[in-house]
C-alpha cells in the first residue's frame, strides 16, 4: 500500500492509475480480513 501511494502521484495513464488503485483496494480488504484473524489471537500484526 505504501509503495502504491508513493507512485500514484506520478502516474499519467488513467488505466495504470485504475490498476494501481484497484490493487490498493484489494490490499486494504485483505488487510481487514488479516487484522480480524490477528485480533482473534490478540496480536497487533507487524510493520515492514
ModelCIF file with pLDDT and N, C-alpha, C, O atoms, coordinates in Angstrom:
data_MODEL
#
_entry.id   MODEL 
#
_entity.id                         1 
_entity.type                       polymer 
_entity.pdbx_number_of_molecules   1 
#
_entity_poly.entity_id                      1 
_entity_poly.type                           'polypeptide(L)' 
_entity_poly.nstd_linkage                   no 
_entity_poly.nstd_monomer                   no 
_entity_poly.pdbx_seq_one_letter_code       
;(UNK)(UNK)(UNK)(UNK)(UNK)(UNK)(UNK)(UNK)(UNK)(UNK)(UNK)(UNK)(UNK)(UNK)(UNK)(UNK)
(UNK)(UNK)(UNK)(UNK)(UNK)(UNK)(UNK)(UNK)(UNK)(UNK)(UNK)(UNK)(UNK)(UNK)(UNK)(UNK)
(UNK)(UNK)(UNK)(UNK)(UNK)(UNK)(UNK)(UNK)(UNK)(UNK)(UNK)(UNK)(UNK)(UNK)(UNK)(UNK)
;
_entity_poly.pdbx_seq_one_letter_code_can   XXXXXXXXXXXXXXXXXXXXXXXXXXXXXXXXXXXXXXXXXXXXXXXX 
_entity_poly.pdbx_strand_id                 A 
#
loop_
_entity_poly_seq.entity_id 
_entity_poly_seq.num 
_entity_poly_seq.mon_id 
_entity_poly_seq.hetero 
1 1  UNK n 
1 2  UNK n 
1 3  UNK n 
1 4  UNK n 
1 5  UNK n 
1 6  UNK n 
1 7  UNK n 
1 8  UNK n 
1 9  UNK n 
1 10 UNK n 
1 11 UNK n 
1 12 UNK n 
1 13 UNK n 
1 14 UNK n 
1 15 UNK n 
1 16 UNK n 
1 17 UNK n 
1 18 UNK n 
1 19 UNK n 
1 20 UNK n 
1 21 UNK n 
1 22 UNK n 
1 23 UNK n 
1 24 UNK n 
1 25 UNK n 
1 26 UNK n 
1 27 UNK n 
1 28 UNK n 
1 29 UNK n 
1 30 UNK n 
1 31 UNK n 
1 32 UNK n 
1 33 UNK n 
1 34 UNK n 
1 35 UNK n 
1 36 UNK n 
1 37 UNK n 
1 38 UNK n 
1 39 UNK n 
1 40 UNK n 
1 41 UNK n 
1 42 UNK n 
1 43 UNK n 
1 44 UNK n 
1 45 UNK n 
1 46 UNK n 
1 47 UNK n 
1 48 UNK n 
#
_struct_asym.id          A 
_struct_asym.entity_id   1 
#
loop_
_ma_qa_metric.id 
_ma_qa_metric.mode 
_ma_qa_metric.name 
_ma_qa_metric.software_group_id 
_ma_qa_metric.type 
1 global pLDDT . pLDDT 
2 local  pLDDT . pLDDT 
#
_ma_qa_metric_global.metric_id      1 
_ma_qa_metric_global.metric_value   95.17 
_ma_qa_metric_global.model_id       1 
_ma_qa_metric_global.ordinal_id     1 
#
loop_
_ma_qa_metric_local.label_asym_id 
_ma_qa_metric_local.label_comp_id 
_ma_qa_metric_local.label_seq_id 
_ma_qa_metric_local.metric_id 
_ma_qa_metric_local.metric_value 
_ma_qa_metric_local.model_id 
_ma_qa_metric_local.ordinal_id 
A UNK 1  2 96.00 1 1  
A UNK 2  2 94.00 1 2  
A UNK 3  2 95.00 1 3  
A UNK 4  2 96.00 1 4  
A UNK 5  2 95.00 1 5  
A UNK 6  2 93.00 1 6  
A UNK 7  2 95.00 1 7  
A UNK 8  2 95.00 1 8  
A UNK 9  2 93.00 1 9  
A UNK 10 2 93.00 1 10 
A UNK 11 2 96.00 1 11 
A UNK 12 2 96.00 1 12 
A UNK 13 2 97.00 1 13 
A UNK 14 2 98.00 1 14 
A UNK 15 2 98.00 1 15 
A UNK 16 2 98.00 1 16 
A UNK 17 2 97.00 1 17 
A UNK 18 2 98.00 1 18 
A UNK 19 2 98.00 1 19 
A UNK 20 2 98.00 1 20 
A UNK 21 2 98.00 1 21 
A UNK 22 2 98.00 1 22 
A UNK 23 2 97.00 1 23 
A UNK 24 2 98.00 1 24 
A UNK 25 2 98.00 1 25 
A UNK 26 2 97.00 1 26 
A UNK 27 2 97.00 1 27 
A UNK 28 2 97.00 1 28 
A UNK 29 2 97.00 1 29 
A UNK 30 2 97.00 1 30 
A UNK 31 2 97.00 1 31 
A UNK 32 2 97.00 1 32 
A UNK 33 2 97.00 1 33 
A UNK 34 2 96.00 1 34 
A UNK 35 2 96.00 1 35 
A UNK 36 2 96.00 1 36 
A UNK 37 2 95.00 1 37 
A UNK 38 2 95.00 1 38 
A UNK 39 2 96.00 1 39 
A UNK 40 2 93.00 1 40 
A UNK 41 2 92.00 1 41 
A UNK 42 2 93.00 1 42 
A UNK 43 2 91.00 1 43 
A UNK 44 2 91.00 1 44 
A UNK 45 2 89.00 1 45 
A UNK 46 2 91.00 1 46 
A UNK 47 2 87.00 1 47 
A UNK 48 2 83.00 1 48 
#
loop_
_atom_site.group_PDB 
_atom_site.id 
_atom_site.type_symbol 
_atom_site.label_atom_id 
_atom_site.label_alt_id 
_atom_site.label_comp_id 
_atom_site.label_asym_id 
_atom_site.label_entity_id 
_atom_site.label_seq_id 
_atom_site.pdbx_PDB_ins_code 
_atom_site.Cartn_x 
_atom_site.Cartn_y 
_atom_site.Cartn_z 
_atom_site.occupancy 
_atom_site.B_iso_or_equiv 
_atom_site.pdbx_formal_charge 
_atom_site.auth_seq_id 
_atom_site.auth_comp_id 
_atom_site.auth_asym_id 
_atom_site.auth_atom_id 
_atom_site.pdbx_PDB_model_num 
ATOM 1   N N  . UNK A 1 1  ? 0.839  -1.203  0.000   1.00 96.00 ? 1  UNK A N  1 
ATOM 2   C CA . UNK A 1 1  ? 0.000  0.000   0.000   1.00 96.00 ? 1  UNK A CA 1 
ATOM 3   C C  . UNK A 1 1  ? 0.874  1.254   0.000   1.00 96.00 ? 1  UNK A C  1 
ATOM 4   O O  . UNK A 1 1  ? 0.597  2.209   -0.726  1.00 96.00 ? 1  UNK A O  1 
ATOM 5   N N  . UNK A 1 2  ? 1.919  1.248   0.808   1.00 94.00 ? 2  UNK A N  1 
ATOM 6   C CA . UNK A 1 2  ? 2.836  2.398   0.846   1.00 94.00 ? 2  UNK A CA 1 
ATOM 7   C C  . UNK A 1 2  ? 3.491  2.604   -0.509  1.00 94.00 ? 2  UNK A C  1 
ATOM 8   O O  . UNK A 1 2  ? 3.606  3.737   -0.976  1.00 94.00 ? 2  UNK A O  1 
ATOM 9   N N  . UNK A 1 3  ? 3.917  1.530   -1.139  1.00 95.00 ? 3  UNK A N  1 
ATOM 10  C CA . UNK A 1 3  ? 4.567  1.630   -2.451  1.00 95.00 ? 3  UNK A CA 1 
ATOM 11  C C  . UNK A 1 3  ? 3.617  2.198   -3.503  1.00 95.00 ? 3  UNK A C  1 
ATOM 12  O O  . UNK A 1 3  ? 4.010  3.039   -4.312  1.00 95.00 ? 3  UNK A O  1 
ATOM 13  N N  . UNK A 1 4  ? 2.383  1.741   -3.488  1.00 96.00 ? 4  UNK A N  1 
ATOM 14  C CA . UNK A 1 4  ? 1.402  2.262   -4.436  1.00 96.00 ? 4  UNK A CA 1 
ATOM 15  C C  . UNK A 1 4  ? 1.157  3.744   -4.168  1.00 96.00 ? 4  UNK A C  1 
ATOM 16  O O  . UNK A 1 4  ? 1.106  4.547   -5.099  1.00 96.00 ? 4  UNK A O  1 
ATOM 17  N N  . UNK A 1 5  ? 1.007  4.101   -2.901  1.00 95.00 ? 5  UNK A N  1 
ATOM 18  C CA . UNK A 1 5  ? 0.800  5.505   -2.550  1.00 95.00 ? 5  UNK A CA 1 
ATOM 19  C C  . UNK A 1 5  ? 1.982  6.377   -2.991  1.00 95.00 ? 5  UNK A C  1 
ATOM 20  O O  . UNK A 1 5  ? 1.797  7.531   -3.378  1.00 95.00 ? 5  UNK A O  1 
ATOM 21  N N  . UNK A 1 6  ? 3.189  5.819   -2.930  1.00 93.00 ? 6  UNK A N  1 
ATOM 22  C CA . UNK A 1 6  ? 4.387  6.570   -3.327  1.00 93.00 ? 6  UNK A CA 1 
ATOM 23  C C  . UNK A 1 6  ? 4.395  6.898   -4.820  1.00 93.00 ? 6  UNK A C  1 
ATOM 24  O O  . UNK A 1 6  ? 4.878  7.960   -5.214  1.00 93.00 ? 6  UNK A O  1 
ATOM 25  N N  . UNK A 1 7  ? 3.868  6.001   -5.652  1.00 95.00 ? 7  UNK A N  1 
ATOM 26  C CA . UNK A 1 7  ? 3.955  6.205   -7.105  1.00 95.00 ? 7  UNK A CA 1 
ATOM 27  C C  . UNK A 1 7  ? 2.709  6.831   -7.723  1.00 95.00 ? 7  UNK A C  1 
ATOM 28  O O  . UNK A 1 7  ? 2.794  7.436   -8.792  1.00 95.00 ? 7  UNK A O  1 
ATOM 29  N N  . UNK A 1 8  ? 1.563  6.698   -7.079  1.00 95.00 ? 8  UNK A N  1 
ATOM 30  C CA . UNK A 1 8  ? 0.311  7.194   -7.677  1.00 95.00 ? 8  UNK A CA 1 
ATOM 31  C C  . UNK A 1 8  ? 0.380  8.655   -8.149  1.00 95.00 ? 8  UNK A C  1 
ATOM 32  O O  . UNK A 1 8  ? -0.157 8.960   -9.214  1.00 95.00 ? 8  UNK A O  1 
ATOM 33  N N  . UNK A 1 9  ? 1.009  9.558   -7.410  1.00 93.00 ? 9  UNK A N  1 
ATOM 34  C CA . UNK A 1 9  ? 1.048  10.948  -7.886  1.00 93.00 ? 9  UNK A CA 1 
ATOM 35  C C  . UNK A 1 9  ? 1.798  11.134  -9.209  1.00 93.00 ? 9  UNK A C  1 
ATOM 36  O O  . UNK A 1 9  ? 1.625  12.153  -9.878  1.00 93.00 ? 9  UNK A O  1 
ATOM 37  N N  . UNK A 1 10 ? 2.619  10.168  -9.585  1.00 93.00 ? 10 UNK A N  1 
ATOM 38  C CA . UNK A 1 10 ? 3.434  10.279  -10.800 1.00 93.00 ? 10 UNK A CA 1 
ATOM 39  C C  . UNK A 1 10 ? 2.810  9.598   -12.012 1.00 93.00 ? 10 UNK A C  1 
ATOM 40  O O  . UNK A 1 10 ? 3.319  9.734   -13.125 1.00 93.00 ? 10 UNK A O  1 
ATOM 41  N N  . UNK A 1 11 ? 1.720  8.870   -11.813 1.00 96.00 ? 11 UNK A N  1 
ATOM 42  C CA . UNK A 1 11 ? 1.087  8.107   -12.895 1.00 96.00 ? 11 UNK A CA 1 
ATOM 43  C C  . UNK A 1 11 ? 0.356  9.056   -13.839 1.00 96.00 ? 11 UNK A C  1 
ATOM 44  O O  . UNK A 1 11 ? -0.389 9.935   -13.403 1.00 96.00 ? 11 UNK A O  1 
ATOM 45  N N  . UNK A 1 12 ? 0.579  8.865   -15.134 1.00 96.00 ? 12 UNK A N  1 
ATOM 46  C CA . UNK A 1 12 ? -0.138 9.699   -16.107 1.00 96.00 ? 12 UNK A CA 1 
ATOM 47  C C  . UNK A 1 12 ? -1.273 8.936   -16.788 1.00 96.00 ? 12 UNK A C  1 
ATOM 48  O O  . UNK A 1 12 ? -2.277 9.548   -17.153 1.00 96.00 ? 12 UNK A O  1 
ATOM 49  N N  . UNK A 1 13 ? -1.151 7.643   -16.967 1.00 97.00 ? 13 UNK A N  1 
ATOM 50  C CA . UNK A 1 13 ? -2.184 6.856   -17.636 1.00 97.00 ? 13 UNK A CA 1 
ATOM 51  C C  . UNK A 1 13 ? -3.360 6.578   -16.698 1.00 97.00 ? 13 UNK A C  1 
ATOM 52  O O  . UNK A 1 13 ? -3.166 6.055   -15.600 1.00 97.00 ? 13 UNK A O  1 
ATOM 53  N N  . UNK A 1 14 ? -4.576 6.924   -17.125 1.00 98.00 ? 14 UNK A N  1 
ATOM 54  C CA . UNK A 1 14 ? -5.750 6.591   -16.303 1.00 98.00 ? 14 UNK A CA 1 
ATOM 55  C C  . UNK A 1 14 ? -5.889 5.083   -16.075 1.00 98.00 ? 14 UNK A C  1 
ATOM 56  O O  . UNK A 1 14 ? -6.331 4.656   -15.008 1.00 98.00 ? 14 UNK A O  1 
ATOM 57  N N  . UNK A 1 15 ? -5.518 4.282   -17.065 1.00 98.00 ? 15 UNK A N  1 
ATOM 58  C CA . UNK A 1 15 ? -5.609 2.827   -16.949 1.00 98.00 ? 15 UNK A CA 1 
ATOM 59  C C  . UNK A 1 15 ? -4.644 2.307   -15.878 1.00 98.00 ? 15 UNK A C  1 
ATOM 60  O O  . UNK A 1 15 ? -5.019 1.471   -15.055 1.00 98.00 ? 15 UNK A O  1 
ATOM 61  N N  . UNK A 1 16 ? -3.420 2.795   -15.889 1.00 98.00 ? 16 UNK A N  1 
ATOM 62  C CA . UNK A 1 16 ? -2.445 2.377   -14.879 1.00 98.00 ? 16 UNK A CA 1 
ATOM 63  C C  . UNK A 1 16 ? -2.887 2.849   -13.501 1.00 98.00 ? 16 UNK A C  1 
ATOM 64  O O  . UNK A 1 16 ? -2.782 2.106   -12.525 1.00 98.00 ? 16 UNK A O  1 
ATOM 65  N N  . UNK A 1 17 ? -3.375 4.064   -13.419 1.00 97.00 ? 17 UNK A N  1 
ATOM 66  C CA . UNK A 1 17 ? -3.855 4.591   -12.137 1.00 97.00 ? 17 UNK A CA 1 
ATOM 67  C C  . UNK A 1 17 ? -4.992 3.723   -11.599 1.00 97.00 ? 17 UNK A C  1 
ATOM 68  O O  . UNK A 1 17 ? -5.049 3.439   -10.402 1.00 97.00 ? 17 UNK A O  1 
ATOM 69  N N  . UNK A 1 18 ? -5.897 3.303   -12.486 1.00 98.00 ? 18 UNK A N  1 
ATOM 70  C CA . UNK A 1 18 ? -7.013 2.448   -12.078 1.00 98.00 ? 18 UNK A CA 1 
ATOM 71  C C  . UNK A 1 18 ? -6.512 1.084   -11.584 1.00 98.00 ? 18 UNK A C  1 
ATOM 72  O O  . UNK A 1 18 ? -6.990 0.566   -10.575 1.00 98.00 ? 18 UNK A O  1 
ATOM 73  N N  . UNK A 1 19 ? -5.546 0.514   -12.308 1.00 98.00 ? 19 UNK A N  1 
ATOM 74  C CA . UNK A 1 19 ? -4.986 -0.775  -11.895 1.00 98.00 ? 19 UNK A CA 1 
ATOM 75  C C  . UNK A 1 19 ? -4.335 -0.685  -10.518 1.00 98.00 ? 19 UNK A C  1 
ATOM 76  O O  . UNK A 1 19 ? -4.526 -1.560  -9.674  1.00 98.00 ? 19 UNK A O  1 
ATOM 77  N N  . UNK A 1 20 ? -3.574 0.370   -10.301 1.00 98.00 ? 20 UNK A N  1 
ATOM 78  C CA . UNK A 1 20 ? -2.909 0.539   -9.010  1.00 98.00 ? 20 UNK A CA 1 
ATOM 79  C C  . UNK A 1 20 ? -3.918 0.787   -7.893  1.00 98.00 ? 20 UNK A C  1 
ATOM 80  O O  . UNK A 1 20 ? -3.789 0.236   -6.800  1.00 98.00 ? 20 UNK A O  1 
ATOM 81  N N  . UNK A 1 21 ? -4.911 1.607   -8.166  1.00 98.00 ? 21 UNK A N  1 
ATOM 82  C CA . UNK A 1 21 ? -5.936 1.900   -7.147  1.00 98.00 ? 21 UNK A CA 1 
ATOM 83  C C  . UNK A 1 21 ? -6.731 0.645   -6.801  1.00 98.00 ? 21 UNK A C  1 
ATOM 84  O O  . UNK A 1 21 ? -7.037 0.402   -5.634  1.00 98.00 ? 21 UNK A O  1 
ATOM 85  N N  . UNK A 1 22 ? -7.061 -0.143  -7.804  1.00 98.00 ? 22 UNK A N  1 
ATOM 86  C CA . UNK A 1 22 ? -7.788 -1.384  -7.577  1.00 98.00 ? 22 UNK A CA 1 
ATOM 87  C C  . UNK A 1 22 ? -6.959 -2.355  -6.741  1.00 98.00 ? 22 UNK A C  1 
ATOM 88  O O  . UNK A 1 22 ? -7.476 -3.002  -5.831  1.00 98.00 ? 22 UNK A O  1 
ATOM 89  N N  . UNK A 1 23 ? -5.682 -2.448  -7.054  1.00 97.00 ? 23 UNK A N  1 
ATOM 90  C CA . UNK A 1 23 ? -4.786 -3.319  -6.291  1.00 97.00 ? 23 UNK A CA 1 
ATOM 91  C C  . UNK A 1 23 ? -4.685 -2.842  -4.842  1.00 97.00 ? 23 UNK A C  1 
ATOM 92  O O  . UNK A 1 23 ? -4.707 -3.647  -3.911  1.00 97.00 ? 23 UNK A O  1 
ATOM 93  N N  . UNK A 1 24 ? -4.577 -1.539  -4.667  1.00 98.00 ? 24 UNK A N  1 
ATOM 94  C CA . UNK A 1 24 ? -4.513 -0.977  -3.311  1.00 98.00 ? 24 UNK A CA 1 
ATOM 95  C C  . UNK A 1 24 ? -5.777 -1.322  -2.542  1.00 98.00 ? 24 UNK A C  1 
ATOM 96  O O  . UNK A 1 24 ? -5.700 -1.719  -1.379  1.00 98.00 ? 24 UNK A O  1 
ATOM 97  N N  . UNK A 1 25 ? -6.941 -1.180  -3.169  1.00 98.00 ? 25 UNK A N  1 
ATOM 98  C CA . UNK A 1 25 ? -8.204 -1.515  -2.509  1.00 98.00 ? 25 UNK A CA 1 
ATOM 99  C C  . UNK A 1 25 ? -8.262 -2.989  -2.129  1.00 98.00 ? 25 UNK A C  1 
ATOM 100 O O  . UNK A 1 25 ? -8.753 -3.337  -1.055  1.00 98.00 ? 25 UNK A O  1 
ATOM 101 N N  . UNK A 1 26 ? -7.763 -3.854  -3.007  1.00 97.00 ? 26 UNK A N  1 
ATOM 102 C CA . UNK A 1 26 ? -7.723 -5.294  -2.699  1.00 97.00 ? 26 UNK A CA 1 
ATOM 103 C C  . UNK A 1 26 ? -6.813 -5.556  -1.507  1.00 97.00 ? 26 UNK A C  1 
ATOM 104 O O  . UNK A 1 26 ? -7.129 -6.377  -0.647  1.00 97.00 ? 26 UNK A O  1 
ATOM 105 N N  . UNK A 1 27 ? -5.690 -4.861  -1.459  1.00 97.00 ? 27 UNK A N  1 
ATOM 106 C CA . UNK A 1 27 ? -4.773 -5.000  -0.318  1.00 97.00 ? 27 UNK A CA 1 
ATOM 107 C C  . UNK A 1 27 ? -5.469 -4.581  0.980   1.00 97.00 ? 27 UNK A C  1 
ATOM 108 O O  . UNK A 1 27 ? -5.345 -5.253  2.004   1.00 97.00 ? 27 UNK A O  1 
ATOM 109 N N  . UNK A 1 28 ? -6.187 -3.488  0.926   1.00 97.00 ? 28 UNK A N  1 
ATOM 110 C CA . UNK A 1 28 ? -6.861 -2.987  2.132   1.00 97.00 ? 28 UNK A CA 1 
ATOM 111 C C  . UNK A 1 28 ? -7.937 -3.968  2.590   1.00 97.00 ? 28 UNK A C  1 
ATOM 112 O O  . UNK A 1 28 ? -8.089 -4.205  3.789   1.00 97.00 ? 28 UNK A O  1 
ATOM 113 N N  . UNK A 1 29 ? -8.679 -4.536  1.653   1.00 97.00 ? 29 UNK A N  1 
ATOM 114 C CA . UNK A 1 29 ? -9.693 -5.539  2.010   1.00 97.00 ? 29 UNK A CA 1 
ATOM 115 C C  . UNK A 1 29 ? -9.045 -6.756  2.670   1.00 97.00 ? 29 UNK A C  1 
ATOM 116 O O  . UNK A 1 29 ? -9.538 -7.265  3.676   1.00 97.00 ? 29 UNK A O  1 
ATOM 117 N N  . UNK A 1 30 ? -7.929 -7.218  2.089   1.00 97.00 ? 30 UNK A N  1 
ATOM 118 C CA . UNK A 1 30 ? -7.234 -8.364  2.676   1.00 97.00 ? 30 UNK A CA 1 
ATOM 119 C C  . UNK A 1 30 ? -6.658 -8.001  4.047   1.00 97.00 ? 30 UNK A C  1 
ATOM 120 O O  . UNK A 1 30 ? -6.650 -8.830  4.957   1.00 97.00 ? 30 UNK A O  1 
ATOM 121 N N  . UNK A 1 31 ? -6.183 -6.786  4.192   1.00 97.00 ? 31 UNK A N  1 
ATOM 122 C CA . UNK A 1 31 ? -5.641 -6.348  5.476   1.00 97.00 ? 31 UNK A CA 1 
ATOM 123 C C  . UNK A 1 31 ? -6.709 -6.419  6.551   1.00 97.00 ? 31 UNK A C  1 
ATOM 124 O O  . UNK A 1 31 ? -6.438 -6.838  7.676   1.00 97.00 ? 31 UNK A O  1 
ATOM 125 N N  . UNK A 1 32 ? -7.930 -6.007  6.206   1.00 97.00 ? 32 UNK A N  1 
ATOM 126 C CA . UNK A 1 32 ? -9.031 -6.079  7.176   1.00 97.00 ? 32 UNK A CA 1 
ATOM 127 C C  . UNK A 1 32 ? -9.308 -7.521  7.592   1.00 97.00 ? 32 UNK A C  1 
ATOM 128 O O  . UNK A 1 32 ? -9.546 -7.798  8.767   1.00 97.00 ? 32 UNK A O  1 
ATOM 129 N N  . UNK A 1 33 ? -9.277 -8.429  6.631   1.00 97.00 ? 33 UNK A N  1 
ATOM 130 C CA . UNK A 1 33 ? -9.501 -9.846  6.946   1.00 97.00 ? 33 UNK A CA 1 
ATOM 131 C C  . UNK A 1 33 ? -8.365 -10.397 7.815   1.00 97.00 ? 33 UNK A C  1 
ATOM 132 O O  . UNK A 1 33 ? -8.599 -11.145 8.764   1.00 97.00 ? 33 UNK A O  1 
ATOM 133 N N  . UNK A 1 34 ? -7.144 -10.017 7.474   1.00 96.00 ? 34 UNK A N  1 
ATOM 134 C CA . UNK A 1 34 ? -5.984 -10.466 8.247   1.00 96.00 ? 34 UNK A CA 1 
ATOM 135 C C  . UNK A 1 34 ? -6.045 -9.900  9.654   1.00 96.00 ? 34 UNK A C  1 
ATOM 136 O O  . UNK A 1 34 ? -5.766 -10.604 10.625  1.00 96.00 ? 34 UNK A O  1 
ATOM 137 N N  . UNK A 1 35 ? -6.414 -8.617  9.766   1.00 96.00 ? 35 UNK A N  1 
ATOM 138 C CA . UNK A 1 35 ? -6.489 -7.992  11.085  1.00 96.00 ? 35 UNK A CA 1 
ATOM 139 C C  . UNK A 1 35 ? -7.548 -8.668  11.952  1.00 96.00 ? 35 UNK A C  1 
ATOM 140 O O  . UNK A 1 35 ? -7.359 -8.817  13.159  1.00 96.00 ? 35 UNK A O  1 
ATOM 141 N N  . UNK A 1 36 ? -8.648 -9.074  11.347  1.00 96.00 ? 36 UNK A N  1 
ATOM 142 C CA . UNK A 1 36 ? -9.692 -9.778  12.110  1.00 96.00 ? 36 UNK A CA 1 
ATOM 143 C C  . UNK A 1 36 ? -9.140 -11.075 12.697  1.00 96.00 ? 36 UNK A C  1 
ATOM 144 O O  . UNK A 1 36 ? -9.419 -11.410 13.848  1.00 96.00 ? 36 UNK A O  1 
ATOM 145 N N  . UNK A 1 37 ? -8.358 -11.799 11.903  1.00 95.00 ? 37 UNK A N  1 
ATOM 146 C CA . UNK A 1 37 ? -7.757 -13.034 12.426  1.00 95.00 ? 37 UNK A CA 1 
ATOM 147 C C  . UNK A 1 37 ? -6.692 -12.731 13.477  1.00 95.00 ? 37 UNK A C  1 
ATOM 148 O O  . UNK A 1 37 ? -6.600 -13.427 14.488  1.00 95.00 ? 37 UNK A O  1 
ATOM 149 N N  . UNK A 1 38 ? -5.891 -11.701 13.240  1.00 95.00 ? 38 UNK A N  1 
ATOM 150 C CA . UNK A 1 38 ? -4.884 -11.321 14.245  1.00 95.00 ? 38 UNK A CA 1 
ATOM 151 C C  . UNK A 1 38 ? -5.556 -10.918 15.558  1.00 95.00 ? 38 UNK A C  1 
ATOM 152 O O  . UNK A 1 38 ? -5.069 -11.251 16.639  1.00 95.00 ? 38 UNK A O  1 
ATOM 153 N N  . UNK A 1 39 ? -6.672 -10.204 15.458  1.00 96.00 ? 39 UNK A N  1 
ATOM 154 C CA . UNK A 1 39 ? -7.406 -9.808  16.671  1.00 96.00 ? 39 UNK A CA 1 
ATOM 155 C C  . UNK A 1 39 ? -7.860 -11.030 17.458  1.00 96.00 ? 39 UNK A C  1 
ATOM 156 O O  . UNK A 1 39 ? -7.857 -11.029 18.689  1.00 96.00 ? 39 UNK A O  1 
ATOM 157 N N  . UNK A 1 40 ? -8.248 -12.069 16.732  1.00 93.00 ? 40 UNK A N  1 
ATOM 158 C CA . UNK A 1 40 ? -8.675 -13.319 17.369  1.00 93.00 ? 40 UNK A CA 1 
ATOM 159 C C  . UNK A 1 40 ? -7.551 -13.897 18.237  1.00 93.00 ? 40 UNK A C  1 
ATOM 160 O O  . UNK A 1 40 ? -7.800 -14.510 19.275  1.00 93.00 ? 40 UNK A O  1 
ATOM 161 N N  . UNK A 1 41 ? -6.309 -13.684 17.787  1.00 92.00 ? 41 UNK A N  1 
ATOM 162 C CA . UNK A 1 41 ? -5.142 -14.183 18.530  1.00 92.00 ? 41 UNK A CA 1 
ATOM 163 C C  . UNK A 1 41 ? -4.524 -13.102 19.418  1.00 92.00 ? 41 UNK A C  1 
ATOM 164 O O  . UNK A 1 41 ? -3.450 -13.303 19.986  1.00 92.00 ? 41 UNK A O  1 
ATOM 165 N N  . UNK A 1 42 ? -5.196 -11.968 19.537  1.00 93.00 ? 42 UNK A N  1 
ATOM 166 C CA . UNK A 1 42 ? -4.723 -10.844 20.353  1.00 93.00 ? 42 UNK A CA 1 
ATOM 167 C C  . UNK A 1 42 ? -3.334 -10.386 19.922  1.00 93.00 ? 42 UNK A C  1 
ATOM 168 O O  . UNK A 1 42 ? -2.453 -10.152 20.750  1.00 93.00 ? 42 UNK A O  1 
ATOM 169 N N  . UNK A 1 43 ? -3.159 -10.262 18.603  1.00 91.00 ? 43 UNK A N  1 
ATOM 170 C CA . UNK A 1 43 ? -1.875 -9.843  18.035  1.00 91.00 ? 43 UNK A CA 1 
ATOM 171 C C  . UNK A 1 43 ? -2.093 -8.574  17.216  1.00 91.00 ? 43 UNK A C  1 
ATOM 172 O O  . UNK A 1 43 ? -3.117 -8.421  16.549  1.00 91.00 ? 43 UNK A O  1 
ATOM 173 N N  . UNK A 1 44 ? -1.134 -7.680  17.273  1.00 91.00 ? 44 UNK A N  1 
ATOM 174 C CA . UNK A 1 44 ? -1.267 -6.389  16.581  1.00 91.00 ? 44 UNK A CA 1 
ATOM 175 C C  . UNK A 1 44 ? -0.716 -6.388  15.167  1.00 91.00 ? 44 UNK A C  1 
ATOM 176 O O  . UNK A 1 44 ? -0.814 -5.372  14.478  1.00 91.00 ? 44 UNK A O  1 
ATOM 177 N N  . UNK A 1 45 ? -0.143 -7.486  14.714  1.00 89.00 ? 45 UNK A N  1 
ATOM 178 C CA . UNK A 1 45 ? 0.409  -7.526  13.363  1.00 89.00 ? 45 UNK A CA 1 
ATOM 179 C C  . UNK A 1 45 ? 1.865  -7.130  13.355  1.00 89.00 ? 45 UNK A C  1 
ATOM 180 O O  . UNK A 1 45 ? 2.549  -7.173  14.378  1.00 89.00 ? 45 UNK A O  1 
ATOM 181 N N  . UNK A 1 46 ? 2.327  -6.743  12.178  1.00 91.00 ? 46 UNK A N  1 
ATOM 182 C CA . UNK A 1 46 ? 3.749  -6.452  12.021  1.00 91.00 ? 46 UNK A CA 1 
ATOM 183 C C  . UNK A 1 46 ? 3.931  -5.312  11.033  1.00 91.00 ? 46 UNK A C  1 
ATOM 184 O O  . UNK A 1 46 ? 3.261  -5.247  10.003  1.00 91.00 ? 46 UNK A O  1 
ATOM 185 N N  . UNK A 1 47 ? 4.843  -4.424  11.366  1.00 87.00 ? 47 UNK A N  1 
ATOM 186 C CA . UNK A 1 47 ? 5.225  -3.350  10.452  1.00 87.00 ? 47 UNK A CA 1 
ATOM 187 C C  . UNK A 1 47 ? 6.331  -3.876  9.535   1.00 87.00 ? 47 UNK A C  1 
ATOM 188 O O  . UNK A 1 47 ? 7.116  -4.736  9.935   1.00 87.00 ? 47 UNK A O  1 
ATOM 189 N N  . UNK A 1 48 ? 6.391  -3.365  8.320   1.00 83.00 ? 48 UNK A N  1 
ATOM 190 C CA . UNK A 1 48 ? 7.507  -3.759  7.450   1.00 83.00 ? 48 UNK A CA 1 
ATOM 191 C C  . UNK A 1 48 ? 8.837  -3.338  8.085   1.00 83.00 ? 48 UNK A C  1 
ATOM 192 O O  . UNK A 1 48 ? 9.899  -3.578  7.510   1.00 83.00 ? 48 UNK A O  1 
#
